[in-house]
């Protein structure tokens, strides 16, 4: 007698990180559910996920929820109610803790309380680095399984070697959507510590230039501001591969997809010594915007490219898929609690 496949509802499902945890080829006895449509939202927007709506769990459309992101809007009491609904429906919960501090929020107190509720209520907790696992154990007395971040660039693209770009040294400073943890004031600081002739490009989402300080809104003598819309992944990877060094302008953080992207493309990453970036891959870390930052920039400029190989990332993905499946199988019979 055939057994129905295990239905996994990831939140979100279409995210690059989540997609790259899935086995290649897919397993017949595991069904990955798409993000449920958000009423009134544009196609492709997965937040706020209807998975958190009262009554969703009672429909029993999934056997297991794997929560990654998108619970910023939940108050601690709402998180407790949601856990209780999952428990009543017999739906297991796996939580991957990506962010111990939320990059989108200035005030972390509510987020930390909600995260604590979820950490203590989940059937299994995963995180990306040993340092984050230690923090979880210290704060919530919960053991987290450490499973590393998968590749960001597609496996087919990792077959394409990406040598460093010739000509003037090109440095990328991605301000992006100006999240709460982003520090635009680093632009002139970094520009002033780069060698003469370096081209510093500041990437910014369209329409956000007015939110920068007046002296940063236009191109400086040592940098240019480029407004780029979020678009096709391959086009974005090609854009990033056109630079020699990536500098992350963060005030706080835990893990970073940019660190993984730099590893995939063989581009050295310069980042503040915050969170656990340095446990993901080799990062040129700095602790202050003076001599420490200057030294990190100099080291990154001199670093030899060491891009990830398709074989290494493919092997890692297969291992990650197996480890996740083992966790799913272990928790899917019991529900939350």
Protein backbone atom coordinates (compact mmCIF):
# COMPACT_ATOMS: atom_id res chain seq x y z
CA UNK A 1 0.00 0.00 0.00
CA UNK A 2 1.44 3.35 -1.04
CA UNK A 3 2.00 6.07 1.56
CA UNK A 4 0.95 9.66 0.92
CA UNK A 5 3.92 12.04 0.52
CA UNK A 6 4.90 14.25 3.44
CA UNK A 7 3.56 17.74 2.72
CA UNK A 8 5.98 20.51 3.75
CA UNK A 9 4.86 24.13 3.86
CA UNK A 10 7.96 26.31 3.99
CA UNK A 11 7.55 29.96 4.97
CA UNK A 12 8.56 31.24 2.53
CA UNK A 13 8.66 28.53 -0.11
CA UNK A 14 10.05 30.43 -3.11
CA UNK A 15 13.00 32.00 -1.29
CA UNK A 16 16.42 31.23 -2.78
CA UNK A 17 17.68 29.72 0.48
CA UNK A 18 14.68 27.41 0.79
CA UNK A 19 14.73 26.29 -2.85
CA UNK A 20 18.38 25.31 -2.55
CA UNK A 21 17.69 22.96 0.36
CA UNK A 22 15.61 20.68 -1.83
CA UNK A 23 17.15 17.53 -3.26
CA UNK A 24 18.06 17.15 -6.92
CA UNK A 25 16.25 15.19 -8.26
CA UNK A 26 13.20 15.70 -6.01
CA UNK A 27 11.98 12.94 -3.72
CA UNK A 28 8.68 11.32 -4.69
CA UNK A 29 7.56 10.93 -1.07
CA UNK A 30 8.10 14.58 -0.13
CA UNK A 31 5.82 17.29 -1.48
CA UNK A 32 6.99 20.90 -1.25
CA UNK A 33 3.99 23.22 -1.14
CA UNK A 34 4.02 26.61 -2.88
CA UNK A 35 3.53 29.84 -0.96
CA UNK A 36 -0.20 30.37 -0.48
CA UNK A 37 -1.39 33.54 -2.28
CA UNK A 38 -1.73 36.65 -0.14
CA UNK A 39 -5.15 38.28 -0.69
CA UNK A 40 -4.80 41.67 -2.36
CA UNK A 41 -1.02 41.38 -2.79
CA UNK A 42 0.86 41.37 -6.12
CA UNK A 43 1.69 37.98 -7.59
CA UNK A 44 4.83 36.56 -6.00
CA UNK A 45 4.50 38.41 -2.69
CA UNK A 46 4.44 35.78 0.05
CA UNK A 47 4.16 38.02 3.11
CA UNK A 48 2.33 38.22 5.41
CA UNK A 49 1.81 34.51 4.88
CA UNK A 50 -1.75 33.17 5.25
CA UNK A 51 -0.12 30.29 7.12
CA UNK A 52 -0.41 32.49 10.23
CA UNK A 53 -4.10 33.24 9.70
CA UNK A 54 -6.53 31.80 12.26
CA UNK A 55 -8.04 28.67 10.80
CA UNK A 56 -5.24 27.89 8.33
CA UNK A 57 -3.89 24.99 10.40
CA UNK A 58 -7.38 23.51 10.81
CA UNK A 59 -7.56 23.03 7.02
CA UNK A 60 -4.71 20.49 7.35
CA UNK A 61 -3.26 21.25 3.94
CA UNK A 62 0.25 20.49 5.28
CA UNK A 63 1.82 17.92 7.57
CA UNK A 64 4.75 20.11 8.58
CA UNK A 65 5.56 23.81 8.57
CA UNK A 66 9.19 24.88 8.18
CA UNK A 67 9.43 28.51 9.26
CA UNK A 68 12.36 30.62 8.06
CA UNK A 69 11.27 34.26 7.75
CA UNK A 70 8.17 36.41 7.78
CA UNK A 71 6.95 36.33 11.37
CA UNK A 72 7.96 39.93 12.15
CA UNK A 73 4.31 40.94 12.50
CA UNK A 74 3.49 38.34 15.15
CA UNK A 75 3.22 39.48 18.75
CA UNK A 76 4.28 36.87 21.33
CA UNK A 77 0.66 36.10 22.22
CA UNK A 78 -0.22 35.60 18.55
CA UNK A 79 2.75 33.25 18.16
CA UNK A 80 1.51 31.19 21.12
CA UNK A 81 -1.97 31.00 19.60
CA UNK A 82 -0.51 29.89 16.28
CA UNK A 83 1.55 27.17 17.96
CA UNK A 84 -1.57 25.95 19.74
CA UNK A 85 -3.45 25.77 16.42
CA UNK A 86 -0.63 23.74 14.87
CA UNK A 87 -0.69 21.41 17.85
CA UNK A 88 -4.43 20.86 17.61
CA UNK A 89 -4.14 20.12 13.89
CA UNK A 90 -1.24 17.71 14.38
CA UNK A 91 1.10 19.83 12.21
CA UNK A 92 4.76 19.74 13.18
CA UNK A 93 6.90 22.88 13.24
CA UNK A 94 10.56 23.16 12.26
CA UNK A 95 12.14 26.57 12.84
CA UNK A 96 15.36 27.77 11.23
CA UNK A 97 16.76 30.73 13.16
CA UNK A 98 18.35 32.96 10.56
CA UNK A 99 18.20 36.24 12.49
CA UNK A 100 18.80 36.57 16.22
CA UNK A 101 18.50 40.30 15.61
CA UNK A 102 16.06 41.41 12.94
CA UNK A 103 17.70 43.48 10.17
CA UNK A 104 14.39 45.25 9.48
CA UNK A 105 13.72 46.52 13.00
CA UNK A 106 15.33 49.14 15.22
CA UNK A 107 13.55 47.95 18.37
CA UNK A 108 14.35 44.25 18.82
CA UNK A 109 12.41 43.64 22.03
CA UNK A 110 9.14 42.41 20.50
CA UNK A 111 10.92 40.36 17.86
CA UNK A 112 13.12 38.64 20.45
CA UNK A 113 10.10 37.77 22.57
CA UNK A 114 8.28 36.26 19.59
CA UNK A 115 11.42 34.43 18.48
CA UNK A 116 11.74 32.98 21.98
CA UNK A 117 8.15 31.70 21.87
CA UNK A 118 8.81 30.00 18.53
CA UNK A 119 12.19 28.58 19.58
CA UNK A 120 10.69 27.03 22.70
CA UNK A 121 7.57 25.78 20.92
CA UNK A 122 9.03 24.26 17.76
CA UNK A 123 9.53 20.52 17.34
CA UNK A 124 13.03 21.11 15.99
CA UNK A 125 15.26 24.17 15.81
CA UNK A 126 17.94 24.69 13.18
CA UNK A 127 20.45 27.49 12.77
CA UNK A 128 23.37 28.18 10.46
CA UNK A 129 26.45 28.53 12.68
CA UNK A 130 27.83 27.21 15.97
CA UNK A 131 27.89 30.73 17.42
CA UNK A 132 24.19 31.22 16.79
CA UNK A 133 23.45 27.80 18.29
CA UNK A 134 25.35 28.78 21.43
CA UNK A 135 23.31 31.98 21.74
CA UNK A 136 20.06 30.03 21.34
CA UNK A 137 21.12 27.60 24.07
CA UNK A 138 22.13 30.43 26.42
CA UNK A 139 18.97 32.50 25.92
CA UNK A 140 16.30 29.82 25.58
CA UNK A 141 17.90 26.58 26.79
CA UNK A 142 17.13 24.96 23.46
CA UNK A 143 19.53 22.89 21.38
CA UNK A 144 19.68 23.94 17.73
CA UNK A 145 21.01 21.72 14.97
CA UNK A 146 23.69 23.55 12.96
CA UNK A 147 23.19 23.20 9.21
CA UNK A 148 25.13 25.60 6.96
CA UNK A 149 23.69 28.02 4.42
CA UNK A 150 23.30 26.41 0.98
CA UNK A 151 24.61 27.90 -2.25
CA UNK A 152 23.04 31.15 -3.50
CA UNK A 153 24.11 31.05 -7.14
CA UNK A 154 22.46 28.23 -9.10
CA UNK A 155 24.51 25.04 -9.45
CA UNK A 156 24.53 25.44 -13.23
CA UNK A 157 26.07 28.91 -12.87
CA UNK A 158 28.75 27.70 -10.47
CA UNK A 159 30.27 25.76 -13.36
CA UNK A 160 31.21 29.12 -14.89
CA UNK A 161 34.52 30.40 -13.45
CA UNK A 162 34.45 34.09 -12.58
CA UNK A 163 37.94 35.63 -12.65
CA UNK A 164 38.50 38.98 -11.00
CA UNK A 165 37.63 41.91 -13.21
CA UNK A 166 40.52 43.66 -14.95
CA UNK A 167 41.08 47.43 -15.05
CA UNK A 168 40.43 49.75 -12.09
CA UNK A 169 39.59 48.12 -8.78
CA UNK A 170 35.80 47.98 -8.42
CA UNK A 171 34.15 47.84 -5.00
CA UNK A 172 30.44 47.27 -4.34
CA UNK A 173 28.62 48.71 -1.32
CA UNK A 174 25.03 47.38 -1.38
CA UNK A 175 22.67 49.69 0.52
CA UNK A 176 19.72 47.98 -1.19
CA UNK A 177 16.38 48.76 0.41
CA UNK A 178 17.95 50.70 3.31
CA UNK A 179 16.96 48.19 5.95
CA UNK A 180 17.11 49.34 9.55
CA UNK A 181 20.52 47.73 10.07
CA UNK A 182 22.10 49.47 7.05
CA UNK A 183 24.51 52.34 7.69
CA UNK A 184 24.69 54.78 4.75
CA UNK A 185 27.16 56.94 6.68
CA UNK A 186 29.82 54.34 5.87
CA UNK A 187 29.90 55.48 2.23
CA UNK A 188 32.36 58.38 2.63
CA UNK A 189 34.32 56.49 5.31
CA UNK A 190 34.93 53.54 3.01
CA UNK A 191 35.57 55.76 0.01
CA UNK A 192 38.24 57.61 1.95
CA UNK A 193 40.12 54.42 2.78
CA UNK A 194 40.26 52.91 -0.70
CA UNK A 195 43.29 53.26 -2.98
CA UNK A 196 43.30 56.12 -5.46
CA UNK A 197 41.55 55.21 -8.70
CA UNK A 198 39.18 52.71 -7.07
CA UNK A 199 35.62 52.74 -8.39
CA UNK A 200 33.14 52.51 -5.48
CA UNK A 201 29.56 51.78 -6.52
CA UNK A 202 26.72 52.23 -4.03
CA UNK A 203 23.71 50.11 -5.00
CA UNK A 204 20.33 51.47 -3.92
CA UNK A 205 16.77 50.48 -4.70
CA UNK A 206 14.88 52.98 -6.91
CA UNK A 207 13.11 55.83 -5.13
CA UNK A 208 15.19 55.67 -1.96
CA UNK A 209 17.83 58.27 -2.78
CA UNK A 210 15.86 60.97 -0.96
CA UNK A 211 16.23 59.01 2.30
CA UNK A 212 19.99 59.42 2.22
CA UNK A 213 21.72 62.38 3.85
CA UNK A 214 22.02 65.28 1.37
CA UNK A 215 25.77 64.82 0.96
CA UNK A 216 25.23 61.17 -0.05
CA UNK A 217 22.42 61.57 -2.57
CA UNK A 218 24.62 62.41 -5.52
CA UNK A 219 27.80 60.87 -6.85
CA UNK A 220 30.88 61.91 -4.93
CA UNK A 221 34.37 62.24 -6.26
CA UNK A 222 35.10 58.74 -5.01
CA UNK A 223 31.77 56.95 -5.42
CA UNK A 224 28.69 56.68 -7.58
CA UNK A 225 25.14 55.89 -6.47
CA UNK A 226 23.31 53.48 -8.78
CA UNK A 227 19.60 52.81 -8.36
CA UNK A 228 18.86 49.21 -9.28
CA UNK A 229 15.51 47.48 -9.17
CA UNK A 230 15.26 43.94 -7.85
CA UNK A 231 15.11 41.81 -10.95
CA UNK A 232 16.23 38.58 -12.54
CA UNK A 233 18.58 36.53 -10.34
CA UNK A 234 21.07 35.73 -13.08
CA UNK A 235 21.29 39.39 -14.09
CA UNK A 236 21.90 40.30 -10.45
CA UNK A 237 24.65 37.69 -10.09
CA UNK A 238 26.33 38.98 -13.25
CA UNK A 239 26.16 42.50 -11.83
CA UNK A 240 27.82 41.48 -8.55
CA UNK A 241 30.46 39.41 -10.38
CA UNK A 242 31.51 42.64 -12.11
CA UNK A 243 33.09 43.86 -8.85
CA UNK A 244 36.31 42.84 -7.15
CA UNK A 245 35.30 43.35 -3.50
CA UNK A 246 31.95 43.46 -1.64
CA UNK A 247 31.60 45.62 1.48
CA UNK A 248 28.61 45.04 3.79
CA UNK A 249 27.37 48.26 5.47
CA UNK A 250 25.62 46.73 8.48
CA UNK A 251 25.16 47.92 12.05
CA UNK A 252 23.90 44.56 13.29
CA UNK A 253 23.10 41.13 11.89
CA UNK A 254 23.40 37.40 12.47
CA UNK A 255 23.92 35.65 9.12
CA UNK A 256 24.18 36.96 5.57
CA UNK A 257 23.29 35.73 2.12
CA UNK A 258 25.85 38.22 0.81
CA UNK A 259 28.61 36.20 2.50
CA UNK A 260 27.39 33.12 0.63
CA UNK A 261 27.14 35.05 -2.63
CA UNK A 262 30.71 36.28 -2.27
CA UNK A 263 31.82 32.70 -1.63
CA UNK A 264 29.96 31.43 -4.70
CA UNK A 265 31.42 34.11 -6.97
CA UNK A 266 34.91 34.16 -5.49
CA UNK A 267 34.56 37.77 -4.35
CA UNK A 268 36.08 38.71 -0.98
CA UNK A 269 33.59 40.16 1.51
CA UNK A 270 34.43 42.92 3.97
CA UNK A 271 32.02 43.04 6.91
CA UNK A 272 31.85 44.38 10.47
CA UNK A 273 32.58 41.85 13.21
CA UNK A 274 28.95 41.37 14.17
CA UNK A 275 26.81 38.29 14.46
CA UNK A 276 28.27 35.14 12.96
CA UNK A 277 29.16 36.16 9.39
CA UNK A 278 32.73 35.01 10.00
CA UNK A 279 31.56 31.47 10.82
CA UNK A 280 29.81 31.10 7.47
CA UNK A 281 32.95 31.58 5.37
CA UNK A 282 36.17 33.55 5.50
CA UNK A 283 35.25 37.23 5.86
CA UNK A 284 37.54 40.24 6.13
CA UNK A 285 36.16 41.57 9.41
CA UNK A 286 36.56 44.97 11.01
CA UNK A 287 35.73 46.23 14.48
CA UNK A 288 35.96 50.01 14.04
CA UNK A 289 35.66 52.38 11.07
CA UNK A 290 39.28 53.45 11.39
CA UNK A 291 42.42 51.34 11.22
CA UNK A 292 40.52 48.05 11.51
CA UNK A 293 38.34 48.83 8.49
CA UNK A 294 41.33 50.06 6.49
CA UNK A 295 43.20 46.82 7.21
CA UNK A 296 40.19 44.67 6.26
CA UNK A 297 39.80 46.54 2.97
CA UNK A 298 43.51 46.16 2.20
CA UNK A 299 43.42 42.43 2.96
CA UNK A 300 40.34 41.93 0.76
CA UNK A 301 41.92 43.80 -2.13
CA UNK A 302 45.00 41.57 -1.93
CA UNK A 303 43.04 38.33 -1.45
CA UNK A 304 43.21 35.67 -4.14
CA UNK A 305 39.78 34.64 -5.50
CA UNK A 306 38.57 31.32 -4.07
CA UNK A 307 35.19 30.68 -5.65
CA UNK A 308 33.05 27.77 -4.58
CA UNK A 309 33.03 24.84 -6.96
CA UNK A 310 29.88 23.31 -8.34
CA UNK A 311 30.95 19.88 -7.06
CA UNK A 312 31.48 21.13 -3.50
CA UNK A 313 28.19 23.00 -3.41
CA UNK A 314 26.33 20.09 -5.02
CA UNK A 315 27.69 17.70 -2.40
CA UNK A 316 26.80 20.13 0.37
CA UNK A 317 23.26 20.53 -0.97
CA UNK A 318 22.75 16.78 -1.05
CA UNK A 319 23.92 16.54 2.57
CA UNK A 320 21.69 19.41 3.64
CA UNK A 321 18.71 17.80 1.93
CA UNK A 322 19.34 14.52 3.74
CA UNK A 323 19.78 16.20 7.11
CA UNK A 324 16.59 18.21 6.68
CA UNK A 325 14.68 15.10 5.62
CA UNK A 326 15.89 13.26 8.72
CA UNK A 327 14.55 16.09 10.89
CA UNK A 328 11.25 16.16 9.00
CA UNK A 329 10.78 12.41 9.42
CA UNK A 330 11.62 12.60 13.11
CA UNK A 331 9.12 15.35 13.98
CA UNK A 332 6.29 14.81 11.54
CA UNK A 333 4.52 12.18 13.57
CA UNK A 334 4.02 14.17 16.76
CA UNK A 335 2.88 17.74 16.17
CA UNK A 336 4.07 20.74 18.15
CA UNK A 337 5.04 20.23 21.76
